[in-house]
Amino acid sequence: MKIRKITLTIAGATLLVGSAAAITSAQASTHSPERHPHEWCHKTFGDDQHDLCNYYNWAKDAAHELRSNGEIEDADAYESQAAKALSRLYAEQKAEQKQGI
């Protein structure tokens, strides 16, 4: 019985460590210390999405600036707005592709 408890404890600890590593990795890729290139959005979604790309870029830049100043809560709010804009850009791109088919 002791061996089983030890095995379960080790397995549980391994899962926790793996989960923590995955979350840390995802956060590191989400909140890069480097600014993203503004051209990416315009190249990916086209000139007809100029206004939404500008909004996305503005929100990402604001989040980056706030995060570098240690204002994490405010940065997260701007990051959330950027994520919503990006979701909308992808949704509109998908809708355009469906219409073209």
PDB file of N, CA and C in Angstrom:
ATOM      1  N   MET A   1       0.812  -1.193   0.000  1.00  0.00           N
ATOM      2  CA  MET A   1       0.000   0.000   0.000  1.00  0.00           C
ATOM      3  C   MET A   1       0.859   1.262   0.000  1.00  0.00           C
ATOM      4  N   LYS A   2       1.980   1.234   0.750  1.00  0.00           N
ATOM      5  CA  LYS A   2       2.857   2.396   0.800  1.00  0.00           C
ATOM      6  C   LYS A   2       3.462   2.682  -0.570  1.00  0.00           C
ATOM      7  N   ILE A   3       3.830   1.627  -1.279  1.00  0.00           N
ATOM      8  CA  ILE A   3       4.424   1.805  -2.606  1.00  0.00           C
ATOM      9  C   ILE A   3       3.422   2.473  -3.538  1.00  0.00           C
ATOM     10  N   ARG A   4       2.172   2.065  -3.446  1.00  0.00           N
ATOM     11  CA  ARG A   4       1.138   2.660  -4.299  1.00  0.00           C
ATOM     12  C   ARG A   4       0.970   4.149  -3.982  1.00  0.00           C
ATOM     13  N   LYS A   5       0.943   4.517  -2.693  1.00  0.00           N
ATOM     14  CA  LYS A   5       0.811   5.921  -2.304  1.00  0.00           C
ATOM     15  C   LYS A   5       1.996   6.741  -2.795  1.00  0.00           C
ATOM     16  N   ILE A   6       3.181   6.179  -2.662  1.00  0.00           N
ATOM     17  CA  ILE A   6       4.384   6.889  -3.119  1.00  0.00           C
ATOM     18  C   ILE A   6       4.337   7.074  -4.626  1.00  0.00           C
ATOM     19  N   THR A   7       3.945   6.034  -5.341  1.00  0.00           N
ATOM     20  CA  THR A   7       3.847   6.113  -6.801  1.00  0.00           C
ATOM     21  C   THR A   7       2.832   7.171  -7.220  1.00  0.00           C
ATOM     22  N   LEU A   8       1.672   7.195  -6.570  1.00  0.00           N
ATOM     23  CA  LEU A   8       0.653   8.198  -6.888  1.00  0.00           C
ATOM     24  C   LEU A   8       1.128   9.606  -6.556  1.00  0.00           C
ATOM     25  N   THR A   9       1.838   9.749  -5.461  1.00  0.00           N
ATOM     26  CA  THR A   9       2.370  11.058  -5.075  1.00  0.00           C
ATOM     27  C   THR A   9       3.382  11.549  -6.095  1.00  0.00           C
ATOM     28  N   ILE A  10       4.266  10.677  -6.517  1.00  0.00           N
ATOM     29  CA  ILE A  10       5.272  11.046  -7.518  1.00  0.00           C
ATOM     30  C   ILE A  10       4.601  11.383  -8.846  1.00  0.00           C
ATOM     31  N   ALA A  11       3.622  10.585  -9.242  1.00  0.00           N
ATOM     32  CA  ALA A  11       2.909  10.853 -10.498  1.00  0.00           C
ATOM     33  C   ALA A  11       2.185  12.195 -10.426  1.00  0.00           C
ATOM     34  N   GLY A  12       1.549  12.475  -9.299  1.00  0.00           N
ATOM     35  CA  GLY A  12       0.855  13.754  -9.134  1.00  0.00           C
ATOM     36  C   GLY A  12       1.809  14.926  -9.177  1.00  0.00           C
ATOM     37  N   ALA A  13       2.951  14.794  -8.514  1.00  0.00           N
ATOM     38  CA  ALA A  13       3.952  15.866  -8.516  1.00  0.00           C
ATOM     39  C   ALA A  13       4.495  16.088  -9.919  1.00  0.00           C
ATOM     40  N   THR A  14       4.705  15.005 -10.647  1.00  0.00           N
ATOM     41  CA  THR A  14       5.195  15.115 -12.024  1.00  0.00           C
ATOM     42  C   THR A  14       4.192  15.859 -12.899  1.00  0.00           C
ATOM     43  N   LEU A  15       2.912  15.556 -12.740  1.00  0.00           N
ATOM     44  CA  LEU A  15       1.878  16.252 -13.506  1.00  0.00           C
ATOM     45  C   LEU A  15       1.845  17.735 -13.170  1.00  0.00           C
ATOM     46  N   LEU A  16       1.960  18.067 -11.898  1.00  0.00           N
ATOM     47  CA  LEU A  16       1.957  19.473 -11.493  1.00  0.00           C
ATOM     48  C   LEU A  16       3.137  20.222 -12.080  1.00  0.00           C
ATOM     49  N   VAL A  17       4.309  19.629 -12.025  1.00  0.00           N
ATOM     50  CA  VAL A  17       5.499  20.271 -12.573  1.00  0.00           C
ATOM     51  C   VAL A  17       5.350  20.450 -14.077  1.00  0.00           C
ATOM     52  N   GLY A  18       4.850  19.432 -14.763  1.00  0.00           N
ATOM     53  CA  GLY A  18       4.640  19.535 -16.208  1.00  0.00           C
ATOM     54  C   GLY A  18       3.636  20.604 -16.566  1.00  0.00           C
ATOM     55  N   SER A  19       2.561  20.704 -15.803  1.00  0.00           N
ATOM     56  CA  SER A  19       1.545  21.729 -16.051  1.00  0.00           C
ATOM     57  C   SER A  19       2.103  23.119 -15.819  1.00  0.00           C
ATOM     58  N   ALA A  20       2.863  23.277 -14.754  1.00  0.00           N
ATOM     59  CA  ALA A  20       3.455  24.584 -14.454  1.00  0.00           C
ATOM     60  C   ALA A  20       4.422  24.996 -15.555  1.00  0.00           C
ATOM     61  N   ALA A  21       5.194  24.052 -16.063  1.00  0.00           N
ATOM     62  CA  ALA A  21       6.133  24.357 -17.142  1.00  0.00           C
ATOM     63  C   ALA A  21       5.390  24.763 -18.409  1.00  0.00           C
ATOM     64  N   ALA A  22       4.295  24.088 -18.707  1.00  0.00           N
ATOM     65  CA  ALA A  22       3.511  24.420 -19.903  1.00  0.00           C
ATOM     66  C   ALA A  22       2.884  25.798 -19.780  1.00  0.00           C
ATOM     67  N   ILE A  23       2.374  26.126 -18.608  1.00  0.00           N
ATOM     68  CA  ILE A  23       1.756  27.439 -18.401  1.00  0.00           C
ATOM     69  C   ILE A  23       2.800  28.531 -18.505  1.00  0.00           C
ATOM     70  N   THR A  24       3.954  28.331 -17.890  1.00  0.00           N
ATOM     71  CA  THR A  24       5.021  29.320 -17.950  1.00  0.00           C
ATOM     72  C   THR A  24       5.459  29.531 -19.387  1.00  0.00           C
ATOM     73  N   SER A  25       5.572  28.450 -20.139  1.00  0.00           N
ATOM     74  CA  SER A  25       5.965  28.550 -21.537  1.00  0.00           C
ATOM     75  C   SER A  25       4.931  29.323 -22.342  1.00  0.00           C
ATOM     76  N   ALA A  26       3.652  29.057 -22.105  1.00  0.00           N
ATOM     77  CA  ALA A  26       2.590  29.763 -22.826  1.00  0.00           C
ATOM     78  C   ALA A  26       2.588  31.240 -22.469  1.00  0.00           C
ATOM     79  N   GLN A  27       2.794  31.574 -21.206  1.00  0.00           N
ATOM     80  CA  GLN A  27       2.823  32.974 -20.813  1.00  0.00           C
ATOM     81  C   GLN A  27       4.019  33.678 -21.423  1.00  0.00           C
ATOM     82  N   ALA A  28       5.146  32.996 -21.486  1.00  0.00           N
ATOM     83  CA  ALA A  28       6.336  33.608 -22.063  1.00  0.00           C
ATOM     84  C   ALA A  28       6.123  33.915 -23.533  1.00  0.00           C
ATOM     85  N   SER A  29       5.437  33.037 -24.256  1.00  0.00           N
ATOM     86  CA  SER A  29       5.212  33.285 -25.673  1.00  0.00           C
ATOM     87  C   SER A  29       4.128  34.333 -25.888  1.00  0.00           C
ATOM     88  N   THR A  30       3.199  34.449 -24.944  1.00  0.00           N
ATOM     89  CA  THR A  30       2.119  35.421 -25.076  1.00  0.00           C
ATOM     90  C   THR A  30       2.598  36.831 -24.786  1.00  0.00           C
ATOM     91  N   HIS A  31       3.403  36.977 -23.757  1.00  0.00           N
ATOM     92  CA  HIS A  31       3.863  38.292 -23.333  1.00  0.00           C
ATOM     93  C   HIS A  31       5.350  38.441 -23.617  1.00  0.00           C
ATOM     94  N   SER A  32       5.680  38.597 -24.867  1.00  0.00           N
ATOM     95  CA  SER A  32       7.067  38.741 -25.266  1.00  0.00           C
ATOM     96  C   SER A  32       7.595  40.107 -24.848  1.00  0.00           C
ATOM     97  N   PRO A  33       8.846  40.175 -24.395  1.00  0.00           N
ATOM     98  CA  PRO A  33       9.407  41.478 -24.034  1.00  0.00           C
ATOM     99  C   PRO A  33       9.672  42.357 -25.254  1.00  0.00           C
ATOM    100  N   GLU A  34       9.655  41.762 -26.432  1.00  0.00           N
ATOM    101  CA  GLU A  34       9.893  42.521 -27.658  1.00  0.00           C
ATOM    102  C   GLU A  34       8.563  42.935 -28.270  1.00  0.00           C
ATOM    103  N   ARG A  35       8.568  44.083 -28.898  1.00  0.00           N
ATOM    104  CA  ARG A  35       7.358  44.542 -29.583  1.00  0.00           C
ATOM    105  C   ARG A  35       7.163  43.722 -30.859  1.00  0.00           C
ATOM    106  N   HIS A  36       5.923  43.541 -31.229  1.00  0.00           N
ATOM    107  CA  HIS A  36       5.623  42.793 -32.450  1.00  0.00           C
ATOM    108  C   HIS A  36       5.647  43.754 -33.642  1.00  0.00           C
ATOM    109  N   PRO A  37       5.949  43.254 -34.834  1.00  0.00           N
ATOM    110  CA  PRO A  37       5.946  44.127 -36.015  1.00  0.00           C
ATOM    111  C   PRO A  37       4.515  44.475 -36.432  1.00  0.00           C
ATOM    112  N   HIS A  38       4.257  45.742 -36.658  1.00  0.00           N
ATOM    113  CA  HIS A  38       2.917  46.195 -37.035  1.00  0.00           C
ATOM    114  C   HIS A  38       2.507  45.688 -38.412  1.00  0.00           C
ATOM    115  N   GLU A  39       3.476  45.476 -39.273  1.00  0.00           N
ATOM    116  CA  GLU A  39       3.158  45.051 -40.642  1.00  0.00           C
ATOM    117  C   GLU A  39       2.493  43.680 -40.675  1.00  0.00           C
ATOM    118  N   TRP A  40       2.770  42.863 -39.664  1.00  0.00           N
ATOM    119  CA  TRP A  40       2.242  41.500 -39.656  1.00  0.00           C
ATOM    120  C   TRP A  40       0.734  41.484 -39.844  1.00  0.00           C
ATOM    121  N   CYS A  41       0.023  42.290 -39.091  1.00  0.00           N
ATOM    122  CA  CYS A  41      -1.440  42.291 -39.151  1.00  0.00           C
ATOM    123  C   CYS A  41      -1.927  42.697 -40.544  1.00  0.00           C
ATOM    124  N   HIS A  42      -1.343  43.753 -41.076  1.00  0.00           N
ATOM    125  CA  HIS A  42      -1.776  44.248 -42.387  1.00  0.00           C
ATOM    126  C   HIS A  42      -1.461  43.242 -43.497  1.00  0.00           C
ATOM    127  N   LYS A  43      -0.317  42.573 -43.388  1.00  0.00           N
ATOM    128  CA  LYS A  43       0.036  41.570 -44.396  1.00  0.00           C
ATOM    129  C   LYS A  43      -0.856  40.338 -44.286  1.00  0.00           C
ATOM    130  N   THR A  44      -1.195  39.961 -43.066  1.00  0.00           N
ATOM    131  CA  THR A  44      -1.987  38.752 -42.842  1.00  0.00           C
ATOM    132  C   THR A  44      -3.446  38.939 -43.222  1.00  0.00           C
ATOM    133  N   PHE A  45      -4.024  40.090 -42.879  1.00  0.00           N
ATOM    134  CA  PHE A  45      -5.462  40.291 -43.053  1.00  0.00           C
ATOM    135  C   PHE A  45      -5.820  41.253 -44.182  1.00  0.00           C
ATOM    136  N   GLY A  46      -4.841  41.909 -44.775  1.00  0.00           N
ATOM    137  CA  GLY A  46      -5.099  42.762 -45.922  1.00  0.00           C
ATOM    138  C   GLY A  46      -5.423  44.199 -45.558  1.00  0.00           C
ATOM    139  N   ASP A  47      -5.366  45.048 -46.575  1.00  0.00           N
ATOM    140  CA  ASP A  47      -5.585  46.483 -46.373  1.00  0.00           C
ATOM    141  C   ASP A  47      -7.028  46.825 -46.025  1.00  0.00           C
ATOM    142  N   ASP A  48      -7.969  45.953 -46.362  1.00  0.00           N
ATOM    143  CA  ASP A  48      -9.366  46.243 -46.034  1.00  0.00           C
ATOM    144  C   ASP A  48      -9.628  46.139 -44.528  1.00  0.00           C
ATOM    145  N   GLN A  49      -8.678  45.601 -43.785  1.00  0.00           N
ATOM    146  CA  GLN A  49      -8.798  45.514 -42.320  1.00  0.00           C
ATOM    147  C   GLN A  49      -7.873  46.527 -41.630  1.00  0.00           C
ATOM    148  N   HIS A  50      -7.580  47.609 -42.321  1.00  0.00           N
ATOM    149  CA  HIS A  50      -6.632  48.618 -41.837  1.00  0.00           C
ATOM    150  C   HIS A  50      -7.004  49.150 -40.450  1.00  0.00           C
ATOM    151  N   ASP A  51      -8.258  49.542 -40.259  1.00  0.00           N
ATOM    152  CA  ASP A  51      -8.671  50.135 -38.981  1.00  0.00           C
ATOM    153  C   ASP A  51      -8.580  49.139 -37.831  1.00  0.00           C
ATOM    154  N   LEU A  52      -9.038  47.924 -38.059  1.00  0.00           N
ATOM    155  CA  LEU A  52      -8.995  46.918 -36.999  1.00  0.00           C
ATOM    156  C   LEU A  52      -7.551  46.509 -36.688  1.00  0.00           C
ATOM    157  N   CYS A  53      -6.712  46.455 -37.705  1.00  0.00           N
ATOM    158  CA  CYS A  53      -5.291  46.166 -37.472  1.00  0.00           C
ATOM    159  C   CYS A  53      -4.634  47.288 -36.673  1.00  0.00           C
ATOM    160  N   ASN A  54      -4.979  48.531 -36.988  1.00  0.00           N
ATOM    161  CA  ASN A  54      -4.427  49.649 -36.218  1.00  0.00           C
ATOM    162  C   ASN A  54      -4.863  49.571 -34.758  1.00  0.00           C
ATOM    163  N   TYR A  55      -6.119  49.212 -34.518  1.00  0.00           N
ATOM    164  CA  TYR A  55      -6.613  49.061 -33.148  1.00  0.00           C
ATOM    165  C   TYR A  55      -5.866  47.935 -32.434  1.00  0.00           C
ATOM    166  N   TYR A  56      -5.695  46.811 -33.119  1.00  0.00           N
ATOM    167  CA  TYR A  56      -4.961  45.678 -32.553  1.00  0.00           C
ATOM    168  C   TYR A  56      -3.533  46.089 -32.190  1.00  0.00           C
ATOM    169  N   ASN A  57      -2.853  46.754 -33.121  1.00  0.00           N
ATOM    170  CA  ASN A  57      -1.476  47.190 -32.875  1.00  0.00           C
ATOM    171  C   ASN A  57      -1.397  48.166 -31.706  1.00  0.00           C
ATOM    172  N   TRP A  58      -2.355  49.095 -31.645  1.00  0.00           N
ATOM    173  CA  TRP A  58      -2.380  50.065 -30.549  1.00  0.00           C
ATOM    174  C   TRP A  58      -2.556  49.361 -29.205  1.00  0.00           C
ATOM    175  N   ALA A  59      -3.479  48.411 -29.131  1.00  0.00           N
ATOM    176  CA  ALA A  59      -3.727  47.692 -27.881  1.00  0.00           C
ATOM    177  C   ALA A  59      -2.506  46.865 -27.474  1.00  0.00           C
ATOM    178  N   LYS A  60      -1.857  46.207 -28.439  1.00  0.00           N
ATOM    179  CA  LYS A  60      -0.655  45.427 -28.131  1.00  0.00           C
ATOM    180  C   LYS A  60       0.470  46.329 -27.638  1.00  0.00           C
ATOM    181  N   ASP A  61       0.645  47.481 -28.282  1.00  0.00           N
ATOM    182  CA  ASP A  61       1.691  48.415 -27.851  1.00  0.00           C
ATOM    183  C   ASP A  61       1.416  48.955 -26.451  1.00  0.00           C
ATOM    184  N   ALA A  62       0.158  49.297 -26.187  1.00  0.00           N
ATOM    185  CA  ALA A  62      -0.211  49.807 -24.862  1.00  0.00           C
ATOM    186  C   ALA A  62       0.028  48.735 -23.801  1.00  0.00           C
ATOM    187  N   ALA A  63      -0.344  47.504 -24.095  1.00  0.00           N
ATOM    188  CA  ALA A  63      -0.131  46.402 -23.151  1.00  0.00           C
ATOM    189  C   ALA A  63       1.355  46.199 -22.887  1.00  0.00           C
ATOM    190  N   HIS A  64       2.151  46.266 -23.949  1.00  0.00           N
ATOM    191  CA  HIS A  64       3.600  46.095 -23.801  1.00  0.00           C
ATOM    192  C   HIS A  64       4.185  47.193 -22.912  1.00  0.00           C
ATOM    193  N   GLU A  65       3.784  48.413 -23.159  1.00  0.00           N
ATOM    194  CA  GLU A  65       4.292  49.550 -22.383  1.00  0.00           C
ATOM    195  C   GLU A  65       3.888  49.434 -20.912  1.00  0.00           C
ATOM    196  N   LEU A  66       2.632  49.125 -20.668  1.00  0.00           N
ATOM    197  CA  LEU A  66       2.155  48.986 -19.288  1.00  0.00           C
ATOM    198  C   LEU A  66       2.845  47.826 -18.572  1.00  0.00           C
ATOM    199  N   ARG A  67       3.023  46.718 -19.283  1.00  0.00           N
ATOM    200  CA  ARG A  67       3.677  45.555 -18.679  1.00  0.00           C
ATOM    201  C   ARG A  67       5.127  45.885 -18.325  1.00  0.00           C
ATOM    202  N   SER A  68       5.812  46.626 -19.185  1.00  0.00           N
ATOM    203  CA  SER A  68       7.207  46.975 -18.900  1.00  0.00           C
ATOM    204  C   SER A  68       7.316  47.952 -17.732  1.00  0.00           C
ATOM    205  N   ASN A  69       6.232  48.687 -17.441  1.00  0.00           N
ATOM    206  CA  ASN A  69       6.199  49.595 -16.289  1.00  0.00           C
ATOM    207  C   ASN A  69       5.672  48.913 -15.031  1.00  0.00           C
ATOM    208  N   GLY A  70       5.364  47.624 -15.125  1.00  0.00           N
ATOM    209  CA  GLY A  70       4.902  46.875 -13.969  1.00  0.00           C
ATOM    210  C   GLY A  70       3.414  46.994 -13.689  1.00  0.00           C
ATOM    211  N   GLU A  71       2.669  47.584 -14.610  1.00  0.00           N
ATOM    212  CA  GLU A  71       1.220  47.741 -14.439  1.00  0.00           C
ATOM    213  C   GLU A  71       0.514  46.547 -15.091  1.00  0.00           C
ATOM    214  N   ILE A  72       0.609  45.412 -14.437  1.00  0.00           N
ATOM    215  CA  ILE A  72       0.174  44.139 -15.013  1.00  0.00           C
ATOM    216  C   ILE A  72      -1.336  44.087 -15.244  1.00  0.00           C
ATOM    217  N   GLU A  73      -2.137  44.547 -14.284  1.00  0.00           N
ATOM    218  CA  GLU A  73      -3.601  44.495 -14.442  1.00  0.00           C
ATOM    219  C   GLU A  73      -4.057  45.310 -15.646  1.00  0.00           C
ATOM    220  N   ASP A  74      -3.537  46.521 -15.774  1.00  0.00           N
ATOM    221  CA  ASP A  74      -3.901  47.356 -16.918  1.00  0.00           C
ATOM    222  C   ASP A  74      -3.401  46.734 -18.216  1.00  0.00           C
ATOM    223  N   ALA A  75      -2.203  46.176 -18.183  1.00  0.00           N
ATOM    224  CA  ALA A  75      -1.652  45.524 -19.371  1.00  0.00           C
ATOM    225  C   ALA A  75      -2.527  44.355 -19.798  1.00  0.00           C
ATOM    226  N   ASP A  76      -3.009  43.593 -18.828  1.00  0.00           N
ATOM    227  CA  ASP A  76      -3.885  42.464 -19.144  1.00  0.00           C
ATOM    228  C   ASP A  76      -5.187  42.932 -19.792  1.00  0.00           C
ATOM    229  N   ALA A  77      -5.695  44.084 -19.363  1.00  0.00           N
ATOM    230  CA  ALA A  77      -6.925  44.623 -19.956  1.00  0.00           C
ATOM    231  C   ALA A  77      -6.697  44.984 -21.423  1.00  0.00           C
ATOM    232  N   TYR A  78      -5.579  45.626 -21.721  1.00  0.00           N
ATOM    233  CA  TYR A  78      -5.273  45.967 -23.114  1.00  0.00           C
ATOM    234  C   TYR A  78      -4.987  44.705 -23.927  1.00  0.00           C
ATOM    235  N   GLU A  79      -4.319  43.744 -23.308  1.00  0.00           N
ATOM    236  CA  GLU A  79      -4.036  42.476 -23.987  1.00  0.00           C
ATOM    237  C   GLU A  79      -5.342  41.768 -24.349  1.00  0.00           C
ATOM    238  N   SER A  80      -6.316  41.860 -23.466  1.00  0.00           N
ATOM    239  CA  SER A  80      -7.629  41.266 -23.715  1.00  0.00           C
ATOM    240  C   SER A  80      -8.307  41.934 -24.909  1.00  0.00           C
ATOM    241  N   GLN A  81      -8.215  43.247 -24.991  1.00  0.00           N
ATOM    242  CA  GLN A  81      -8.799  43.965 -26.129  1.00  0.00           C
ATOM    243  C   GLN A  81      -8.099  43.588 -27.433  1.00  0.00           C
ATOM    244  N   ALA A  82      -6.782  43.439 -27.370  1.00  0.00           N
ATOM    245  CA  ALA A  82      -6.035  43.021 -28.560  1.00  0.00           C
ATOM    246  C   ALA A  82      -6.456  41.617 -28.986  1.00  0.00           C
ATOM    247  N   ALA A  83      -6.658  40.736 -28.025  1.00  0.00           N
ATOM    248  CA  ALA A  83      -7.081  39.363 -28.333  1.00  0.00           C
ATOM    249  C   ALA A  83      -8.462  39.352 -28.979  1.00  0.00           C
ATOM    250  N   LYS A  84      -9.360  40.208 -28.492  1.00  0.00           N
ATOM    251  CA  LYS A  84     -10.698  40.296 -29.089  1.00  0.00           C
ATOM    252  C   LYS A  84     -10.617  40.816 -30.522  1.00  0.00           C
ATOM    253  N   ALA A  85      -9.772  41.807 -30.747  1.00  0.00           N
ATOM    254  CA  ALA A  85      -9.602  42.338 -32.100  1.00  0.00           C
ATOM    255  C   ALA A  85      -9.025  41.270 -33.020  1.00  0.00           C
ATOM    256  N   LEU A  86      -8.060  40.521 -32.520  1.00  0.00           N
ATOM    257  CA  LEU A  86      -7.449  39.466 -33.327  1.00  0.00           C
ATOM    258  C   LEU A  86      -8.455  38.366 -33.648  1.00  0.00           C
ATOM    259  N   SER A  87      -9.279  38.012 -32.684  1.00  0.00           N
ATOM    260  CA  SER A  87     -10.330  37.014 -32.929  1.00  0.00           C
ATOM    261  C   SER A  87     -11.285  37.492 -34.005  1.00  0.00           C
ATOM    262  N   ARG A  88     -11.634  38.757 -33.945  1.00  0.00           N
ATOM    263  CA  ARG A  88     -12.533  39.317 -34.957  1.00  0.00           C
ATOM    264  C   ARG A  88     -11.871  39.316 -36.333  1.00  0.00           C
ATOM    265  N   LEU A  89     -10.587  39.650 -36.371  1.00  0.00           N
ATOM    266  CA  LEU A  89      -9.867  39.626 -37.646  1.00  0.00           C
ATOM    267  C   LEU A  89      -9.878  38.222 -38.250  1.00  0.00           C
ATOM    268  N   TYR A  90      -9.602  37.220 -37.432  1.00  0.00           N
ATOM    269  CA  TYR A  90      -9.617  35.841 -37.934  1.00  0.00           C
ATOM    270  C   TYR A  90     -11.021  35.412 -38.353  1.00  0.00           C
ATOM    271  N   ALA A  91     -12.030  35.819 -37.591  1.00  0.00           N
ATOM    272  CA  ALA A  91     -13.411  35.458 -37.932  1.00  0.00           C
ATOM    273  C   ALA A  91     -13.816  36.079 -39.268  1.00  0.00           C
ATOM    274  N   GLU A  92     -13.461  37.339 -39.465  1.00  0.00           N
ATOM    275  CA  GLU A  92     -13.802  38.000 -40.729  1.00  0.00           C
ATOM    276  C   GLU A  92     -13.028  37.396 -41.893  1.00  0.00           C
ATOM    277  N   GLN A  93     -11.788  37.009 -41.647  1.00  0.00           N
ATOM    278  CA  GLN A  93     -11.002  36.365 -42.692  1.00  0.00           C
ATOM    279  C   GLN A  93     -11.634  35.028 -43.082  1.00  0.00           C
ATOM    280  N   LYS A  94     -12.078  34.279 -42.085  1.00  0.00           N
ATOM    281  CA  LYS A  94     -12.718  32.989 -42.345  1.00  0.00           C
ATOM    282  C   LYS A  94     -14.028  33.178 -43.104  1.00  0.00           C
ATOM    283  N   ALA A  95     -14.802  34.196 -42.737  1.00  0.00           N
ATOM    284  CA  ALA A  95     -16.064  34.474 -43.421  1.00  0.00           C
ATOM    285  C   ALA A  95     -15.815  34.849 -44.880  1.00  0.00           C
ATOM    286  N   GLU A  96     -14.773  35.634 -45.126  1.00  0.00           N
ATOM    287  CA  GLU A  96     -14.430  36.009 -46.503  1.00  0.00           C
ATOM    288  C   GLU A  96     -14.016  34.785 -47.315  1.00  0.00           C
ATOM    289  N   GLN A  97     -13.284  33.876 -46.682  1.00  0.00           N
ATOM    290  CA  GLN A  97     -12.859  32.665 -47.379  1.00  0.00           C
ATOM    291  C   GLN A  97     -14.051  31.785 -47.726  1.00  0.00           C
ATOM    292  N   LYS A  98     -15.039  31.716 -46.829  1.00  0.00           N
ATOM    293  CA  LYS A  98     -16.240  30.927 -47.107  1.00  0.00           C
ATOM    294  C   LYS A  98     -17.026  31.524 -48.264  1.00  0.00           C
ATOM    295  N   GLN A  99     -17.089  32.845 -48.325  1.00  0.00           N
ATOM    296  CA  GLN A  99     -17.825  33.500 -49.412  1.00  0.00           C
ATOM    297  C   GLN A  99     -17.133  33.277 -50.745  1.00  0.00           C
ATOM    298  N   GLY A 100     -15.804  33.180 -50.710  1.00  0.00           N
ATOM    299  CA  GLY A 100     -15.038  32.987 -51.934  1.00  0.00           C
ATOM    300  C   GLY A 100     -15.108  31.574 -52.467  1.00  0.00           C
ATOM    301  N   ILE A 101     -15.532  30.632 -51.637  1.00  0.00           N
ATOM    302  CA  ILE A 101     -15.573  29.219 -52.069  1.00  0.00           C
ATOM    303  C   ILE A 101     -16.817  28.911 -52.827  1.00  0.00           C
TER     304      ILE A 101
END
